[in-house]
N, C-alpha and C. Protein backbone atom coordinates (compact mmCIF):
# COMPACT_ATOMS: atom_id res chain seq x y z
N MET A 1 153.86 -10.24 131.27
CA MET A 1 153.50 -9.49 130.10
C MET A 1 153.45 -10.42 128.89
N LYS A 2 152.40 -10.31 128.11
CA LYS A 2 152.20 -11.18 126.95
C LYS A 2 153.11 -10.74 125.81
N PRO A 3 153.59 -11.69 125.02
CA PRO A 3 154.36 -11.32 123.83
C PRO A 3 153.42 -10.74 122.77
N CYS A 4 153.94 -9.86 121.96
CA CYS A 4 153.14 -9.25 120.89
C CYS A 4 152.89 -10.28 119.80
N THR A 5 151.63 -10.48 119.50
CA THR A 5 151.28 -11.38 118.42
C THR A 5 151.18 -10.57 117.12
N LYS A 6 151.08 -11.29 116.02
CA LYS A 6 150.97 -10.61 114.73
C LYS A 6 149.69 -9.80 114.66
N GLN A 7 148.63 -10.32 115.27
CA GLN A 7 147.34 -9.61 115.27
C GLN A 7 147.46 -8.31 116.07
N ASN A 8 148.15 -8.34 117.21
CA ASN A 8 148.32 -7.13 118.01
C ASN A 8 149.15 -6.10 117.26
N LYS A 9 150.20 -6.55 116.60
CA LYS A 9 151.05 -5.63 115.84
C LYS A 9 150.26 -4.98 114.71
N THR A 10 149.41 -5.75 114.06
CA THR A 10 148.59 -5.21 112.97
C THR A 10 147.61 -4.17 113.51
N ALA A 11 146.99 -4.46 114.64
CA ALA A 11 146.03 -3.53 115.23
C ALA A 11 146.72 -2.22 115.64
N ILE A 12 147.90 -2.33 116.21
CA ILE A 12 148.64 -1.13 116.62
C ILE A 12 149.05 -0.32 115.39
N PHE A 13 149.50 -1.01 114.34
CA PHE A 13 149.88 -0.33 113.11
C PHE A 13 148.69 0.42 112.51
N LEU A 14 147.52 -0.22 112.46
CA LEU A 14 146.33 0.43 111.90
C LEU A 14 145.87 1.60 112.75
N LEU A 15 146.00 1.48 114.06
CA LEU A 15 145.65 2.58 114.95
C LEU A 15 146.55 3.79 114.70
N ILE A 16 147.84 3.55 114.60
CA ILE A 16 148.79 4.64 114.34
C ILE A 16 148.55 5.25 112.97
N LEU A 17 148.27 4.41 111.97
CA LEU A 17 147.99 4.91 110.63
C LEU A 17 146.72 5.76 110.61
N GLY A 18 145.69 5.33 111.33
CA GLY A 18 144.45 6.10 111.40
C GLY A 18 144.65 7.45 112.06
N ILE A 19 145.41 7.48 113.14
CA ILE A 19 145.70 8.74 113.82
C ILE A 19 146.50 9.67 112.91
N LEU A 20 147.46 9.10 112.17
CA LEU A 20 148.25 9.89 111.24
C LEU A 20 147.38 10.52 110.16
N PHE A 21 146.46 9.72 109.59
CA PHE A 21 145.57 10.25 108.56
C PHE A 21 144.61 11.31 109.12
N LEU A 22 144.18 11.13 110.36
CA LEU A 22 143.31 12.11 111.00
C LEU A 22 144.04 13.44 111.16
N ILE A 23 145.27 13.39 111.63
CA ILE A 23 146.07 14.61 111.80
C ILE A 23 146.33 15.27 110.44
N LEU A 24 146.64 14.46 109.44
CA LEU A 24 146.88 14.99 108.10
C LEU A 24 145.63 15.67 107.54
N GLY A 25 144.47 15.09 107.75
CA GLY A 25 143.22 15.69 107.27
C GLY A 25 142.91 17.01 107.96
N VAL A 26 143.15 17.08 109.26
CA VAL A 26 142.94 18.33 109.99
C VAL A 26 143.92 19.39 109.50
N TYR A 27 145.16 18.99 109.27
CA TYR A 27 146.19 19.92 108.80
C TYR A 27 145.82 20.50 107.44
N GLN A 28 145.22 19.68 106.57
CA GLN A 28 144.86 20.14 105.23
C GLN A 28 143.52 20.87 105.18
N GLY A 29 142.80 20.90 106.29
CA GLY A 29 141.53 21.64 106.34
C GLY A 29 140.34 20.83 105.89
N GLY A 30 140.43 19.53 105.88
CA GLY A 30 139.33 18.68 105.45
C GLY A 30 138.11 18.78 106.34
N TYR A 31 138.31 19.14 107.60
CA TYR A 31 137.18 19.25 108.52
C TYR A 31 136.24 20.36 108.10
N ARG A 32 136.78 21.41 107.48
CA ARG A 32 135.92 22.53 107.05
C ARG A 32 134.94 22.08 105.98
N ASP A 33 135.42 21.28 105.03
CA ASP A 33 134.53 20.78 103.96
C ASP A 33 133.42 19.92 104.54
N ALA A 34 133.78 19.01 105.44
CA ALA A 34 132.78 18.12 106.04
C ALA A 34 131.78 18.91 106.87
N PHE A 35 132.25 19.91 107.59
CA PHE A 35 131.36 20.73 108.42
C PHE A 35 130.40 21.53 107.55
N GLN A 36 130.89 22.10 106.45
CA GLN A 36 130.02 22.87 105.55
C GLN A 36 128.97 21.97 104.90
N LYS A 37 129.35 20.77 104.50
CA LYS A 37 128.39 19.85 103.90
C LYS A 37 127.33 19.43 104.91
N ALA A 38 127.75 19.21 106.15
CA ALA A 38 126.79 18.82 107.20
C ALA A 38 125.79 19.94 107.45
N ILE A 39 126.26 21.16 107.49
CA ILE A 39 125.37 22.31 107.69
C ILE A 39 124.38 22.40 106.53
N ARG A 40 124.88 22.23 105.31
CA ARG A 40 124.02 22.33 104.13
C ARG A 40 122.93 21.25 104.16
N VAL A 41 123.29 20.02 104.53
CA VAL A 41 122.32 18.94 104.59
C VAL A 41 121.27 19.24 105.66
N CYS A 42 121.70 19.71 106.82
CA CYS A 42 120.75 20.01 107.90
C CYS A 42 119.78 21.12 107.49
N LEU A 43 120.30 22.15 106.86
CA LEU A 43 119.42 23.24 106.46
C LEU A 43 118.44 22.81 105.39
N GLU A 44 118.86 21.91 104.49
CA GLU A 44 117.94 21.42 103.46
C GLU A 44 116.85 20.54 104.07
N CYS A 45 117.21 19.74 105.08
CA CYS A 45 116.22 18.87 105.71
C CYS A 45 115.18 19.68 106.47
N ILE A 46 115.61 20.75 107.12
CA ILE A 46 114.70 21.59 107.89
C ILE A 46 113.85 22.43 106.93
N GLY A 47 114.39 22.74 105.77
CA GLY A 47 113.67 23.52 104.78
C GLY A 47 114.05 24.98 104.77
N ILE A 48 115.13 25.34 105.47
CA ILE A 48 115.54 26.75 105.50
C ILE A 48 116.36 27.09 104.26
N GLY A 49 117.22 26.15 103.82
CA GLY A 49 118.15 26.41 102.72
C GLY A 49 117.54 26.10 101.44
């Protein structure tokens, strides 16, 4: 088994931080805002909205 290098530790830390922020965003309802904006953009491009 290889020893953990500083680069590996940094990558693992960033991965955990990203997952934490993703969970926090879902908990706060940020996905709803992004989904509504995506729908609005699609409808404007098609010409329905």
